[in-house]
Amino acid sequence: MLSSSETITFTGSRLKLVPQAIVLMAFILPLGFLGAGFVFAIGREGATPASIGGGALMMTALAWLIWLELVTLRRIAKPDVLMLAPTGLRMIVAGRTRTIPRTKLGTPELHKLSGRSAARSIIVPVAGGSRVVIAAEEYAVGVQDILKALNQTKAGLPIDAPEHSSQAPYLYIAIPASTLVLGIMLVGLTAILAN
C-alpha cells in the first residue's frame, strides 16, 4: 500500500527512553532488596497477616515496575515506527503493524496524554469509529513535524522531510539526572547493607 519512494519514516527515539529505564531501575533495586528482606523475615519469624500483606503488596509493586522496565527495554531495542505516505499510514508499535489508507483518516488533533502531563499525543480518528493514538513526544522528531506530515497524508500531498529536533535536553539533562537518582539509590542501599 505504501510506496517506498514516497514514504517518510518516523522512528521512536531510544535516547528519550533511557532516562525512564534508569529511573525504573532506581525503584526496582530497593524494592527487590526489601522484598528479599520480607521473605527472610517471614522465614525467620513465621508468617503473620501483616507480613504476608506487606510482602504481597511489595511484590505486586515490584512485579509492575519490572513489567514497565521490560516494556521500556523492548521499546529501546525495537522502537516504534510511523510510516507516512500520500496513500496512508502504517504504524508498527509493540511488534504489531497497523495500516490505514488515507481515505479513512480523520483530521489529526494534538492532545495532552493526561491533564497533569506535559507529554503530548496525536489522536487521528479513523472511519468506523476507531482512532489511532500516536505518542508523538517519543519520536526523534518534533511533534509539529509529525502533525504536519499527518495532515499532508490526509490531504494526499507529498510528505515534507522532517527537521530532526535536538535531543540535547535528554543527553545533557535527563540522562545525567536519572543516573544521579540511581546513584543515590545505590549509595543508600550500600549503606543499609553495610550496617
Protein backbone atom coordinates (compact mmCIF):
# COMPACT_ATOMS: atom_id res chain seq x y z
CA MET A 1 0.00 0.00 0.00
CA LEU A 2 2.78 2.47 0.87
CA SER A 3 5.20 3.26 -1.91
CA SER A 4 8.75 3.23 -0.59
CA SER A 5 9.80 6.22 -2.76
CA GLU A 6 7.13 8.47 -1.20
CA THR A 7 7.24 7.20 2.37
CA ILE A 8 8.63 9.24 5.26
CA THR A 9 9.52 7.15 8.31
CA PHE A 10 9.45 8.45 11.88
CA THR A 11 11.25 6.26 14.41
CA GLY A 12 10.86 6.31 18.17
CA SER A 13 13.76 7.90 19.99
CA ARG A 14 15.84 5.47 22.03
CA LEU A 15 17.55 8.37 23.76
CA LYS A 16 14.23 9.62 25.18
CA LEU A 17 13.53 6.21 26.77
CA VAL A 18 16.92 5.77 28.50
CA PRO A 19 16.10 8.08 31.48
CA GLN A 20 12.84 6.20 32.04
CA ALA A 21 14.69 2.87 32.11
CA ILE A 22 17.28 4.24 34.56
CA VAL A 23 14.69 5.69 36.96
CA LEU A 24 12.64 2.48 36.88
CA MET A 25 15.78 0.56 37.83
CA ALA A 26 16.32 3.01 40.71
CA PHE A 27 12.94 1.90 42.11
CA ILE A 28 13.25 -1.80 41.27
CA LEU A 29 16.53 -2.34 43.15
CA PRO A 30 15.41 -1.15 46.62
CA LEU A 31 12.01 -2.84 46.30
CA GLY A 32 13.79 -6.06 45.33
CA PHE A 33 16.03 -5.87 48.40
CA LEU A 34 13.05 -5.00 50.60
CA GLY A 35 11.10 -7.93 49.15
CA ALA A 36 14.00 -10.28 49.85
CA GLY A 37 14.07 -8.90 53.41
CA PHE A 38 10.38 -9.69 53.81
CA VAL A 39 10.94 -13.25 52.62
CA PHE A 40 13.79 -13.74 55.14
CA ALA A 41 11.70 -12.16 57.92
CA ILE A 42 8.77 -14.45 57.17
CA GLY A 43 11.11 -17.46 57.13
CA ARG A 44 12.76 -16.49 60.41
CA GLU A 45 9.78 -15.23 62.42
CA GLY A 46 6.90 -17.05 60.79
CA ALA A 47 4.08 -15.75 58.67
CA THR A 48 1.75 -13.18 60.16
CA PRO A 49 -1.13 -11.50 58.35
CA ALA A 50 0.75 -8.19 58.40
CA SER A 51 3.95 -9.66 56.95
CA ILE A 52 2.05 -11.58 54.26
CA GLY A 53 0.00 -8.49 53.34
CA GLY A 54 3.07 -6.23 53.25
CA GLY A 55 5.06 -8.76 51.25
CA ALA A 56 2.21 -9.26 48.76
CA LEU A 57 1.81 -5.51 48.29
CA MET A 58 5.53 -5.04 47.80
CA MET A 59 5.84 -7.95 45.37
CA THR A 60 2.88 -6.61 43.36
CA ALA A 61 4.54 -3.20 43.08
CA LEU A 62 7.84 -4.85 42.19
CA ALA A 63 6.23 -7.02 39.50
CA TRP A 64 4.52 -3.97 38.00
CA LEU A 65 7.81 -1.98 37.91
CA ILE A 66 9.67 -4.93 36.38
CA TRP A 67 6.97 -5.20 33.70
CA LEU A 68 7.32 -1.47 32.93
CA GLU A 69 11.10 -1.86 32.76
CA LEU A 70 10.82 -4.79 30.33
CA VAL A 71 8.41 -2.84 28.12
CA THR A 72 10.79 0.15 28.14
CA LEU A 73 13.80 -2.02 27.31
CA ARG A 74 11.86 -3.67 24.47
CA ARG A 75 10.98 -0.24 23.09
CA ILE A 76 14.64 0.80 23.33
CA ALA A 77 15.70 -2.37 21.48
CA LYS A 78 12.90 -2.11 18.90
CA PRO A 79 11.46 1.43 18.77
CA ASP A 80 8.02 2.28 17.43
CA VAL A 81 7.83 3.20 13.74
CA LEU A 82 5.38 5.50 11.97
CA MET A 83 5.47 5.49 8.16
CA LEU A 84 3.52 8.14 6.27
CA ALA A 85 2.88 8.44 2.54
CA PRO A 86 0.29 10.25 0.39
CA THR A 87 -1.61 6.94 0.25
CA GLY A 88 -1.92 6.36 4.02
CA LEU A 89 -0.09 5.47 7.19
CA ARG A 90 1.49 2.38 8.70
CA MET A 91 2.38 2.05 12.38
CA ILE A 92 4.50 -0.61 14.00
CA VAL A 93 4.00 -0.47 17.76
CA ALA A 94 4.97 -3.32 20.11
CA GLY A 95 5.56 -5.57 17.11
CA ARG A 96 2.03 -5.04 15.76
CA THR A 97 1.55 -3.45 12.35
CA ARG A 98 -1.48 -1.34 11.51
CA THR A 99 -2.02 0.08 8.02
CA ILE A 100 -4.73 2.65 7.27
CA PRO A 101 -5.46 4.18 3.85
CA ARG A 102 -5.65 7.98 3.74
CA THR A 103 -9.32 7.94 2.76
CA LYS A 104 -10.19 6.52 6.18
CA LEU A 105 -8.15 9.07 8.17
CA GLY A 106 -9.83 11.92 10.03
CA THR A 107 -8.25 15.24 11.00
CA PRO A 108 -5.36 14.71 13.44
CA GLU A 109 -5.56 16.59 16.73
CA LEU A 110 -2.92 17.33 19.34
CA HIS A 111 -3.82 16.26 22.91
CA LYS A 112 -2.07 16.05 26.25
CA LEU A 113 -1.69 12.46 27.45
CA SER A 114 -3.31 13.42 30.75
CA GLY A 115 -4.45 16.59 32.45
CA ARG A 116 -1.25 16.92 34.51
CA SER A 117 1.26 15.69 31.97
CA ALA A 118 3.17 17.91 29.59
CA ALA A 119 3.59 14.98 27.19
CA ARG A 120 1.51 15.27 24.06
CA SER A 121 -0.09 12.72 21.79
CA ILE A 122 -1.74 12.98 18.41
CA ILE A 123 -5.19 11.48 18.01
CA VAL A 124 -6.24 10.52 14.47
CA PRO A 125 -9.88 9.49 14.05
CA VAL A 126 -10.40 6.58 11.66
CA ALA A 127 -13.57 5.81 9.69
CA GLY A 128 -15.66 3.27 11.55
CA GLY A 129 -15.32 4.91 14.95
CA SER A 130 -11.81 3.80 15.93
CA ARG A 131 -8.78 6.05 16.31
CA VAL A 132 -5.02 6.00 16.17
CA VAL A 133 -3.10 7.37 19.16
CA ILE A 134 0.47 8.43 18.42
CA ALA A 135 2.71 9.18 21.42
CA ALA A 136 4.39 11.96 19.47
CA GLU A 137 6.76 13.02 22.26
CA GLU A 138 8.55 9.68 22.00
CA TYR A 139 9.73 10.14 18.41
CA ALA A 140 13.09 11.54 17.33
CA VAL A 141 11.42 14.50 15.56
CA GLY A 142 9.25 17.32 16.79
CA VAL A 143 5.55 16.87 17.47
CA GLN A 144 4.65 19.60 14.98
CA ASP A 145 6.60 17.78 12.24
CA ILE A 146 4.53 14.63 12.79
CA LEU A 147 1.29 16.63 12.90
CA LYS A 148 2.19 18.42 9.65
CA ALA A 149 3.06 15.12 7.94
CA LEU A 150 -0.22 13.55 9.10
CA ASN A 151 -2.18 16.49 7.64
CA GLN A 152 -0.26 16.08 4.36
CA THR A 153 -1.04 12.35 4.36
CA LYS A 154 -4.75 13.03 4.94
CA ALA A 155 -4.75 15.51 2.04
CA GLY A 156 -2.86 13.09 -0.22
CA LEU A 157 0.06 15.50 -0.64
CA PRO A 158 3.76 14.60 -0.82
CA ILE A 159 5.21 14.47 2.69
CA ASP A 160 7.86 17.04 3.63
CA ALA A 161 11.00 15.60 5.18
CA PRO A 162 11.02 16.44 8.90
CA GLU A 163 13.65 18.52 10.62
CA HIS A 164 15.31 16.46 13.33
CA SER A 165 14.73 18.07 16.68
CA SER A 166 17.55 18.46 19.14
CA GLN A 167 17.74 15.72 21.73
CA ALA A 168 20.28 17.68 23.78
CA PRO A 169 17.95 18.01 26.81
CA TYR A 170 17.90 14.21 27.10
CA LEU A 171 21.63 13.89 26.55
CA TYR A 172 22.71 16.68 28.91
CA ILE A 173 19.90 16.87 31.49
CA ALA A 174 17.57 13.86 31.68
CA ILE A 175 20.12 11.05 31.45
CA PRO A 176 22.57 12.57 33.99
CA ALA A 177 19.67 13.41 36.36
CA SER A 178 18.25 9.90 36.20
CA THR A 179 21.73 8.42 36.61
CA LEU A 180 22.17 10.62 39.70
CA VAL A 181 18.89 9.26 41.14
CA LEU A 182 20.09 5.70 40.52
CA GLY A 183 23.49 6.51 42.09
CA ILE A 184 21.88 7.96 45.22
CA MET A 185 19.68 4.87 45.49
CA LEU A 186 22.71 2.55 45.16
CA VAL A 187 24.67 4.51 47.80
CA GLY A 188 21.70 4.29 50.16
CA LEU A 189 21.34 0.54 49.57
CA THR A 190 25.06 0.04 50.11
CA ALA A 191 24.91 1.98 53.38
CA ILE A 192 21.93 -0.08 54.57
CA LEU A 193 23.52 -3.40 53.63
CA ALA A 194 26.85 -2.42 55.25
CA ASN A 195 25.14 -1.96 58.65
